[in-house]
Amino acid sequence: MQGVYVNVPAVDWSLFRELIRKFGWKIETREQMLDRFISSRPAEPTLSEEEIMEEVKAVRYDK
């Protein structure tokens, strides 16, 4: 599968939805994609903010 984002004029939306249905494609709004991404994230990050900053400083300042 290849994901794409397409802007469709409102007047052509019904025709585009019909094509999507006929070809068996899946449709997802930007909001649905964002909701899916947020729900897939872990509740607790594997690194703390302090650990992230230590890594950034180590790389940036070569320590």
PDB file of N, CA and C in Angstrom:
ATOM      1  N   MET A   1       0.840  -1.185   0.000  1.00  0.00           N
ATOM      2  CA  MET A   1       0.000   0.000   0.000  1.00  0.00           C
ATOM      3  C   MET A   1       0.881   1.244   0.000  1.00  0.00           C
ATOM      4  N   GLN A   2       0.421   2.269  -0.640  1.00  0.00           N
ATOM      5  CA  GLN A   2       1.093   3.563  -0.674  1.00  0.00           C
ATOM      6  C   GLN A   2       0.120   4.598  -0.153  1.00  0.00           C
ATOM      7  N   GLY A   3       0.497   5.339   0.880  1.00  0.00           N
ATOM      8  CA  GLY A   3      -0.358   6.386   1.423  1.00  0.00           C
ATOM      9  C   GLY A   3      -0.109   7.699   0.709  1.00  0.00           C
ATOM     10  N   VAL A   4      -1.172   8.394   0.375  1.00  0.00           N
ATOM     11  CA  VAL A   4      -1.071   9.707  -0.265  1.00  0.00           C
ATOM     12  C   VAL A   4      -2.077  10.653   0.376  1.00  0.00           C
ATOM     13  N   TYR A   5      -1.813  11.920   0.248  1.00  0.00           N
ATOM     14  CA  TYR A   5      -2.750  12.939   0.713  1.00  0.00           C
ATOM     15  C   TYR A   5      -3.199  13.727  -0.512  1.00  0.00           C
ATOM     16  N   VAL A   6      -4.498  13.810  -0.717  1.00  0.00           N
ATOM     17  CA  VAL A   6      -5.050  14.452  -1.909  1.00  0.00           C
ATOM     18  C   VAL A   6      -6.031  15.532  -1.487  1.00  0.00           C
ATOM     19  N   ASN A   7      -5.897  16.714  -2.064  1.00  0.00           N
ATOM     20  CA  ASN A   7      -6.877  17.781  -1.868  1.00  0.00           C
ATOM     21  C   ASN A   7      -7.886  17.697  -3.003  1.00  0.00           C
ATOM     22  N   VAL A   8      -9.138  17.506  -2.648  1.00  0.00           N
ATOM     23  CA  VAL A   8     -10.202  17.364  -3.638  1.00  0.00           C
ATOM     24  C   VAL A   8     -11.188  18.515  -3.452  1.00  0.00           C
ATOM     25  N   PRO A   9     -11.525  19.209  -4.532  1.00  0.00           N
ATOM     26  CA  PRO A   9     -12.535  20.271  -4.403  1.00  0.00           C
ATOM     27  C   PRO A   9     -13.847  19.706  -3.876  1.00  0.00           C
ATOM     28  N   ALA A  10     -14.538  20.489  -3.094  1.00  0.00           N
ATOM     29  CA  ALA A  10     -15.788  20.043  -2.472  1.00  0.00           C
ATOM     30  C   ALA A  10     -16.807  19.580  -3.509  1.00  0.00           C
ATOM     31  N   VAL A  11     -16.851  20.229  -4.669  1.00  0.00           N
ATOM     32  CA  VAL A  11     -17.826  19.853  -5.697  1.00  0.00           C
ATOM     33  C   VAL A  11     -17.540  18.470  -6.278  1.00  0.00           C
ATOM     34  N   ASP A  12     -16.291  18.004  -6.211  1.00  0.00           N
ATOM     35  CA  ASP A  12     -15.905  16.705  -6.756  1.00  0.00           C
ATOM     36  C   ASP A  12     -15.848  15.609  -5.704  1.00  0.00           C
ATOM     37  N   TRP A  13     -16.145  15.961  -4.460  1.00  0.00           N
ATOM     38  CA  TRP A  13     -15.986  14.998  -3.368  1.00  0.00           C
ATOM     39  C   TRP A  13     -16.843  13.752  -3.548  1.00  0.00           C
ATOM     40  N   SER A  14     -18.095  13.893  -3.961  1.00  0.00           N
ATOM     41  CA  SER A  14     -18.966  12.720  -4.110  1.00  0.00           C
ATOM     42  C   SER A  14     -18.442  11.791  -5.204  1.00  0.00           C
ATOM     43  N   LEU A  15     -17.954  12.338  -6.302  1.00  0.00           N
ATOM     44  CA  LEU A  15     -17.370  11.517  -7.369  1.00  0.00           C
ATOM     45  C   LEU A  15     -16.127  10.793  -6.858  1.00  0.00           C
ATOM     46  N   PHE A  16     -15.291  11.489  -6.128  1.00  0.00           N
ATOM     47  CA  PHE A  16     -14.068  10.896  -5.600  1.00  0.00           C
ATOM     48  C   PHE A  16     -14.390   9.774  -4.605  1.00  0.00           C
ATOM     49  N   ARG A  17     -15.373   9.984  -3.750  1.00  0.00           N
ATOM     50  CA  ARG A  17     -15.791   8.939  -2.801  1.00  0.00           C
ATOM     51  C   ARG A  17     -16.290   7.698  -3.536  1.00  0.00           C
ATOM     52  N   GLU A  18     -16.992   7.916  -4.638  1.00  0.00           N
ATOM     53  CA  GLU A  18     -17.485   6.793  -5.439  1.00  0.00           C
ATOM     54  C   GLU A  18     -16.309   6.009  -6.039  1.00  0.00           C
ATOM     55  N   LEU A  19     -15.300   6.714  -6.535  1.00  0.00           N
ATOM     56  CA  LEU A  19     -14.107   6.037  -7.065  1.00  0.00           C
ATOM     57  C   LEU A  19     -13.393   5.247  -5.965  1.00  0.00           C
ATOM     58  N   ILE A  20     -13.289   5.843  -4.802  1.00  0.00           N
ATOM     59  CA  ILE A  20     -12.658   5.168  -3.670  1.00  0.00           C
ATOM     60  C   ILE A  20     -13.400   3.878  -3.355  1.00  0.00           C
ATOM     61  N   ARG A  21     -14.708   3.946  -3.321  1.00  0.00           N
ATOM     62  CA  ARG A  21     -15.521   2.767  -3.024  1.00  0.00           C
ATOM     63  C   ARG A  21     -15.358   1.700  -4.101  1.00  0.00           C
ATOM     64  N   LYS A  22     -15.401   2.102  -5.376  1.00  0.00           N
ATOM     65  CA  LYS A  22     -15.313   1.148  -6.480  1.00  0.00           C
ATOM     66  C   LYS A  22     -13.962   0.451  -6.543  1.00  0.00           C
ATOM     67  N   PHE A  23     -12.895   1.171  -6.236  1.00  0.00           N
ATOM     68  CA  PHE A  23     -11.570   0.580  -6.285  1.00  0.00           C
ATOM     69  C   PHE A  23     -11.209  -0.168  -5.004  1.00  0.00           C
ATOM     70  N   GLY A  24     -12.021  -0.024  -3.968  1.00  0.00           N
ATOM     71  CA  GLY A  24     -11.752  -0.713  -2.714  1.00  0.00           C
ATOM     72  C   GLY A  24     -10.651  -0.063  -1.894  1.00  0.00           C
ATOM     73  N   TRP A  25     -10.399   1.215  -2.161  1.00  0.00           N
ATOM     74  CA  TRP A  25      -9.380   1.935  -1.410  1.00  0.00           C
ATOM     75  C   TRP A  25      -9.916   2.301  -0.040  1.00  0.00           C
ATOM     76  N   LYS A  26      -9.022   2.667   0.852  1.00  0.00           N
ATOM     77  CA  LYS A  26      -9.420   3.128   2.183  1.00  0.00           C
ATOM     78  C   LYS A  26      -9.246   4.635   2.246  1.00  0.00           C
ATOM     79  N   ILE A  27     -10.134   5.275   2.990  1.00  0.00           N
ATOM     80  CA  ILE A  27     -10.088   6.731   3.119  1.00  0.00           C
ATOM     81  C   ILE A  27      -9.963   7.085   4.599  1.00  0.00           C
ATOM     82  N   GLU A  28      -9.178   8.103   4.874  1.00  0.00           N
ATOM     83  CA  GLU A  28      -8.961   8.535   6.251  1.00  0.00           C
ATOM     84  C   GLU A  28      -8.690  10.032   6.238  1.00  0.00           C
ATOM     85  N   THR A  29      -9.371  10.769   7.103  1.00  0.00           N
ATOM     86  CA  THR A  29      -9.149  12.212   7.175  1.00  0.00           C
ATOM     87  C   THR A  29      -7.861  12.499   7.942  1.00  0.00           C
ATOM     88  N   ARG A  30      -7.407  13.715   7.838  1.00  0.00           N
ATOM     89  CA  ARG A  30      -6.217  14.137   8.569  1.00  0.00           C
ATOM     90  C   ARG A  30      -6.412  13.958  10.070  1.00  0.00           C
ATOM     91  N   GLU A  31      -7.598  14.297  10.533  1.00  0.00           N
ATOM     92  CA  GLU A  31      -7.907  14.173  11.961  1.00  0.00           C
ATOM     93  C   GLU A  31      -7.878  12.707  12.395  1.00  0.00           C
ATOM     94  N   GLN A  32      -8.416  11.814  11.555  1.00  0.00           N
ATOM     95  CA  GLN A  32      -8.397  10.388  11.868  1.00  0.00           C
ATOM     96  C   GLN A  32      -6.965   9.852  11.902  1.00  0.00           C
ATOM     97  N   MET A  33      -6.130  10.319  10.974  1.00  0.00           N
ATOM     98  CA  MET A  33      -4.730   9.894  10.957  1.00  0.00           C
ATOM     99  C   MET A  33      -4.026  10.352  12.231  1.00  0.00           C
ATOM    100  N   LEU A  34      -4.276  11.588  12.642  1.00  0.00           N
ATOM    101  CA  LEU A  34      -3.659  12.114  13.854  1.00  0.00           C
ATOM    102  C   LEU A  34      -4.140  11.350  15.080  1.00  0.00           C
ATOM    103  N   ASP A  35      -5.424  11.080  15.164  1.00  0.00           N
ATOM    104  CA  ASP A  35      -5.969  10.302  16.283  1.00  0.00           C
ATOM    105  C   ASP A  35      -5.344   8.910  16.336  1.00  0.00           C
ATOM    106  N   ARG A  36      -5.194   8.269  15.169  1.00  0.00           N
ATOM    107  CA  ARG A  36      -4.592   6.936  15.116  1.00  0.00           C
ATOM    108  C   ARG A  36      -3.140   6.983  15.590  1.00  0.00           C
ATOM    109  N   PHE A  37      -2.402   8.023  15.163  1.00  0.00           N
ATOM    110  CA  PHE A  37      -1.008   8.165  15.578  1.00  0.00           C
ATOM    111  C   PHE A  37      -0.903   8.373  17.090  1.00  0.00           C
ATOM    112  N   ILE A  38      -1.738   9.257  17.620  1.00  0.00           N
ATOM    113  CA  ILE A  38      -1.694   9.546  19.058  1.00  0.00           C
ATOM    114  C   ILE A  38      -2.033   8.305  19.870  1.00  0.00           C
ATOM    115  N   SER A  39      -3.029   7.559  19.441  1.00  0.00           N
ATOM    116  CA  SER A  39      -3.407   6.360  20.193  1.00  0.00           C
ATOM    117  C   SER A  39      -2.355   5.263  20.101  1.00  0.00           C
ATOM    118  N   SER A  40      -1.487   5.308  19.091  1.00  0.00           N
ATOM    119  CA  SER A  40      -0.448   4.285  18.955  1.00  0.00           C
ATOM    120  C   SER A  40       0.791   4.583  19.803  1.00  0.00           C
ATOM    121  N   ARG A  41       0.875   5.787  20.362  1.00  0.00           N
ATOM    122  CA  ARG A  41       2.040   6.170  21.151  1.00  0.00           C
ATOM    123  C   ARG A  41       1.948   5.554  22.546  1.00  0.00           C
ATOM    124  N   PRO A  42       3.091   5.188  23.127  1.00  0.00           N
ATOM    125  CA  PRO A  42       3.057   4.629  24.485  1.00  0.00           C
ATOM    126  C   PRO A  42       2.643   5.684  25.510  1.00  0.00           C
ATOM    127  N   ALA A  43       1.987   5.239  26.570  1.00  0.00           N
ATOM    128  CA  ALA A  43       1.541   6.161  27.615  1.00  0.00           C
ATOM    129  C   ALA A  43       2.737   6.742  28.359  1.00  0.00           C
ATOM    130  N   GLU A  44       3.731   5.927  28.599  1.00  0.00           N
ATOM    131  CA  GLU A  44       4.949   6.367  29.274  1.00  0.00           C
ATOM    132  C   GLU A  44       6.114   6.325  28.298  1.00  0.00           C
ATOM    133  N   PRO A  45       6.793   7.443  28.072  1.00  0.00           N
ATOM    134  CA  PRO A  45       7.941   7.429  27.169  1.00  0.00           C
ATOM    135  C   PRO A  45       9.075   6.577  27.742  1.00  0.00           C
ATOM    136  N   THR A  46       9.863   5.979  26.865  1.00  0.00           N
ATOM    137  CA  THR A  46      10.957   5.122  27.317  1.00  0.00           C
ATOM    138  C   THR A  46      12.096   5.934  27.922  1.00  0.00           C
ATOM    139  N   LEU A  47      12.198   7.204  27.546  1.00  0.00           N
ATOM    140  CA  LEU A  47      13.227   8.086  28.103  1.00  0.00           C
ATOM    141  C   LEU A  47      12.560   9.252  28.826  1.00  0.00           C
ATOM    142  N   SER A  48      13.181   9.683  29.900  1.00  0.00           N
ATOM    143  CA  SER A  48      12.671  10.870  30.592  1.00  0.00           C
ATOM    144  C   SER A  48      13.177  12.113  29.868  1.00  0.00           C
ATOM    145  N   GLU A  49      12.588  13.241  30.186  1.00  0.00           N
ATOM    146  CA  GLU A  49      13.030  14.497  29.584  1.00  0.00           C
ATOM    147  C   GLU A  49      14.486  14.780  29.931  1.00  0.00           C
ATOM    148  N   GLU A  50      14.884  14.461  31.156  1.00  0.00           N
ATOM    149  CA  GLU A  50      16.275  14.677  31.584  1.00  0.00           C
ATOM    150  C   GLU A  50      17.237  13.809  30.771  1.00  0.00           C
ATOM    151  N   GLU A  51      16.850  12.546  30.530  1.00  0.00           N
ATOM    152  CA  GLU A  51      17.702  11.654  29.734  1.00  0.00           C
ATOM    153  C   GLU A  51      17.830  12.149  28.292  1.00  0.00           C
ATOM    154  N   ILE A  52      16.761  12.666  27.753  1.00  0.00           N
ATOM    155  CA  ILE A  52      16.809  13.212  26.397  1.00  0.00           C
ATOM    156  C   ILE A  52      17.752  14.403  26.353  1.00  0.00           C
ATOM    157  N   MET A  53      17.648  15.291  27.344  1.00  0.00           N
ATOM    158  CA  MET A  53      18.519  16.468  27.372  1.00  0.00           C
ATOM    159  C   MET A  53      19.986  16.072  27.544  1.00  0.00           C
ATOM    160  N   GLU A  54      20.262  15.055  28.342  1.00  0.00           N
ATOM    161  CA  GLU A  54      21.629  14.566  28.503  1.00  0.00           C
ATOM    162  C   GLU A  54      22.182  14.069  27.166  1.00  0.00           C
ATOM    163  N   GLU A  55      21.362  13.354  26.410  1.00  0.00           N
ATOM    164  CA  GLU A  55      21.785  12.866  25.098  1.00  0.00           C
ATOM    165  C   GLU A  55      22.051  14.025  24.137  1.00  0.00           C
ATOM    166  N   VAL A  56      21.148  15.008  24.131  1.00  0.00           N
ATOM    167  CA  VAL A  56      21.319  16.170  23.250  1.00  0.00           C
ATOM    168  C   VAL A  56      22.607  16.905  23.594  1.00  0.00           C
ATOM    169  N   LYS A  57      22.851  17.134  24.878  1.00  0.00           N
ATOM    170  CA  LYS A  57      24.071  17.828  25.302  1.00  0.00           C
ATOM    171  C   LYS A  57      25.312  17.025  24.951  1.00  0.00           C
ATOM    172  N   ALA A  58      25.247  15.713  25.116  1.00  0.00           N
ATOM    173  CA  ALA A  58      26.397  14.864  24.798  1.00  0.00           C
ATOM    174  C   ALA A  58      26.742  14.949  23.313  1.00  0.00           C
ATOM    175  N   VAL A  59      25.740  14.973  22.465  1.00  0.00           N
ATOM    176  CA  VAL A  59      25.988  15.052  21.034  1.00  0.00           C
ATOM    177  C   VAL A  59      26.411  16.457  20.654  1.00  0.00           C
ATOM    178  N   ARG A  60      25.691  17.445  21.164  1.00  0.00           N
ATOM    179  CA  ARG A  60      25.967  18.827  20.778  1.00  0.00           C
ATOM    180  C   ARG A  60      27.330  19.300  21.267  1.00  0.00           C
ATOM    181  N   TYR A  61      27.653  18.966  22.513  1.00  0.00           N
ATOM    182  CA  TYR A  61      28.889  19.473  23.111  1.00  0.00           C
ATOM    183  C   TYR A  61      29.976  18.416  23.159  1.00  0.00           C
ATOM    184  N   ASP A  62      29.722  17.256  22.530  1.00  0.00           N
ATOM    185  CA  ASP A  62      30.698  16.187  22.415  1.00  0.00           C
ATOM    186  C   ASP A  62      31.286  15.795  23.759  1.00  0.00           C
ATOM    187  N   LYS A  63      30.412  15.563  24.745  1.00  0.00           N
ATOM    188  CA  LYS A  63      30.864  15.172  26.093  1.00  0.00           C
ATOM    189  C   LYS A  63      30.474  13.756  26.369  1.00  0.00           C
TER     190      LYS A  63
END
